[in-house]
Amino acid sequence: PIANCCQEFEAAGHEFSAGMIACMFDAHVRFGNLEEAEAYFKELTTSAPSFTLDHFKVVDFATLLVTKGKLKDAVSLLNKYPANIRGKGSMVSISRNCLKLLTAMSESGEGAASTRDMLSLLVQQGYCTVNNIMLGPLIRAHLNR
């Protein structure tokens, strides 16, 4: 259904704005469609290189990459897009996304060291802080061995 809408939109002579491309990218990330998400991400970074993805979309995309076995791509993404979080409320909100990413890491079979490295990267890039909730997936990774 999404593809049909896009084709109709383009067939009518309209062009997608960077925000619209970001929405399409986010929809595919949420539905777990990695190939489509990667295509929209590439289109977004090519057609609007100065467009800034919000930190929620970055972490969610990293989570999808991890669940699809692309850990190196997830790490590269997080290194390229440090968080730009303002306000305590935003930090609390993004923590949920970080927890999902860390949980995906702990379940990926990459091991506890990789989960710990991901937590360190998230902290280093300003996405979250270390607390007992964020350490939960690291503990589970040790137990999943």
Protein backbone atom coordinates (compact mmCIF):
# COMPACT_ATOMS: atom_id res chain seq x y z
CA PRO A 1 0.00 0.00 0.00
CA ILE A 2 2.78 2.48 0.81
CA ALA A 3 4.52 1.81 -2.49
CA ASN A 4 1.29 2.38 -4.42
CA CYS A 5 0.72 5.74 -2.76
CA CYS A 6 4.28 6.81 -3.53
CA GLN A 7 4.01 5.77 -7.15
CA GLU A 8 0.73 7.64 -7.57
CA PHE A 9 2.20 10.71 -5.90
CA GLU A 10 5.25 10.71 -8.17
CA ALA A 11 3.16 9.87 -11.26
CA ALA A 12 1.13 13.00 -10.59
CA GLY A 13 4.34 15.02 -10.93
CA HIS A 14 4.90 15.73 -7.26
CA GLU A 15 8.23 15.55 -5.49
CA PHE A 16 8.88 14.29 -2.01
CA SER A 17 10.25 16.79 0.48
CA ALA A 18 12.99 15.72 2.88
CA GLY A 19 10.41 15.52 5.66
CA MET A 20 8.20 13.25 3.58
CA ILE A 21 11.14 10.99 2.75
CA ALA A 22 12.00 10.86 6.46
CA CYS A 23 8.42 9.83 7.23
CA MET A 24 8.57 7.07 4.63
CA PHE A 25 11.90 5.96 6.02
CA ASP A 26 10.46 5.88 9.54
CA ALA A 27 7.41 3.90 8.42
CA HIS A 28 9.60 1.23 6.85
CA VAL A 29 11.79 1.10 9.95
CA ARG A 30 8.71 0.61 12.14
CA PHE A 31 7.39 -2.15 9.87
CA GLY A 32 10.80 -3.87 9.84
CA ASN A 33 11.35 -3.45 6.10
CA LEU A 34 15.11 -3.09 6.08
CA GLU A 35 15.67 -2.88 2.32
CA GLU A 36 13.07 -0.16 1.88
CA ALA A 37 14.28 1.71 4.95
CA GLU A 38 17.84 1.63 3.65
CA ALA A 39 16.66 2.89 0.25
CA TYR A 40 14.80 5.83 1.79
CA PHE A 41 17.73 6.55 4.09
CA LYS A 42 20.07 6.64 1.11
CA GLU A 43 17.66 8.85 -0.80
CA LEU A 44 17.36 11.19 2.17
CA THR A 45 21.09 11.50 2.73
CA THR A 46 21.69 11.99 -1.00
CA SER A 47 18.88 14.41 -1.85
CA ALA A 48 18.97 16.41 1.39
CA PRO A 49 22.41 15.99 2.99
CA SER A 50 21.80 18.83 5.45
CA PHE A 51 18.54 17.29 6.71
CA THR A 52 18.87 16.16 10.32
CA LEU A 53 17.13 12.96 11.35
CA ASP A 54 15.78 13.10 14.86
CA HIS A 55 17.46 10.91 17.44
CA PHE A 56 14.45 8.60 17.74
CA LYS A 57 14.65 7.64 14.08
CA VAL A 58 18.40 7.09 14.31
CA VAL A 59 18.13 4.74 17.30
CA ASP A 60 15.15 2.90 15.82
CA PHE A 61 17.03 2.39 12.55
CA ALA A 62 20.05 1.14 14.48
CA THR A 63 17.75 -1.32 16.27
CA LEU A 64 16.40 -2.60 12.96
CA LEU A 65 19.94 -2.99 11.64
CA VAL A 66 20.92 -5.01 14.72
CA THR A 67 17.86 -7.26 14.47
CA LYS A 68 18.72 -7.94 10.82
CA GLY A 69 22.33 -8.84 11.63
CA LYS A 70 23.97 -5.60 10.53
CA LEU A 71 25.73 -4.61 13.74
CA LYS A 72 28.60 -2.82 11.97
CA ASP A 73 26.12 -0.66 10.06
CA ALA A 74 24.30 0.18 13.31
CA VAL A 75 27.54 1.23 14.99
CA SER A 76 28.53 3.30 11.97
CA LEU A 77 25.12 5.01 11.98
CA LEU A 78 25.32 5.92 15.66
CA ASN A 79 28.87 7.19 15.23
CA LYS A 80 27.79 9.38 12.33
CA TYR A 81 24.72 10.82 14.05
CA PRO A 82 25.41 11.87 17.64
CA ALA A 83 22.36 12.75 19.70
CA ASN A 84 21.13 16.30 19.87
CA ILE A 85 18.81 15.92 22.83
CA ARG A 86 17.43 18.95 24.61
CA GLY A 87 15.51 18.72 27.84
CA LYS A 88 14.99 16.01 30.41
CA GLY A 89 11.72 14.84 28.85
CA SER A 90 13.42 14.01 25.59
CA MET A 91 16.13 12.06 27.39
CA VAL A 92 13.49 9.99 29.18
CA SER A 93 11.67 9.35 25.91
CA ILE A 94 14.77 8.30 23.97
CA SER A 95 15.71 5.97 26.82
CA ARG A 96 12.89 3.65 25.73
CA ASN A 97 14.34 3.47 22.24
CA CYS A 98 17.84 2.88 23.62
CA LEU A 99 16.50 0.09 25.81
CA LYS A 100 14.95 -1.57 22.75
CA LEU A 101 18.28 -1.32 20.93
CA LEU A 102 20.19 -2.79 23.85
CA THR A 103 17.62 -5.57 24.21
CA ALA A 104 18.01 -6.36 20.51
CA MET A 105 21.77 -6.47 21.06
CA SER A 106 21.45 -8.85 24.00
CA GLU A 107 19.23 -11.16 21.93
CA SER A 108 21.33 -10.96 18.77
CA GLY A 109 23.88 -13.54 19.81
CA GLU A 110 26.69 -11.00 19.48
CA GLY A 111 27.57 -11.50 23.13
CA ALA A 112 27.80 -9.44 26.27
CA ALA A 113 30.89 -7.55 25.12
CA SER A 114 29.07 -6.23 22.05
CA THR A 115 26.08 -5.23 24.17
CA ARG A 116 28.41 -3.41 26.56
CA ASP A 117 30.13 -1.69 23.63
CA MET A 118 26.75 -0.58 22.28
CA LEU A 119 25.79 0.86 25.67
CA SER A 120 29.12 2.69 25.80
CA LEU A 121 28.54 4.07 22.30
CA LEU A 122 25.03 5.25 23.18
CA VAL A 123 26.37 7.02 26.27
CA GLN A 124 29.35 8.48 24.39
CA GLN A 125 27.09 9.82 21.64
CA GLY A 126 24.68 11.35 24.15
CA TYR A 127 21.69 9.08 23.60
CA CYS A 128 21.37 7.80 27.15
CA THR A 129 23.03 7.59 30.53
CA VAL A 130 24.06 4.49 32.41
CA ASN A 131 21.45 3.41 34.91
CA ASN A 132 19.99 0.19 36.23
CA ILE A 133 17.44 0.00 33.41
CA MET A 134 20.07 0.34 30.68
CA LEU A 135 22.20 -2.31 32.38
CA GLY A 136 19.37 -4.87 32.24
CA PRO A 137 20.07 -6.00 28.65
CA LEU A 138 23.78 -6.29 29.47
CA ILE A 139 22.96 -8.65 32.32
CA ARG A 140 20.61 -10.63 30.06
CA ALA A 141 23.37 -10.88 27.45
CA HIS A 142 25.58 -12.53 30.07
CA LEU A 143 22.77 -14.91 30.99
CA ASN A 144 22.04 -15.78 27.34
CA ARG A 145 25.50 -17.26 26.79
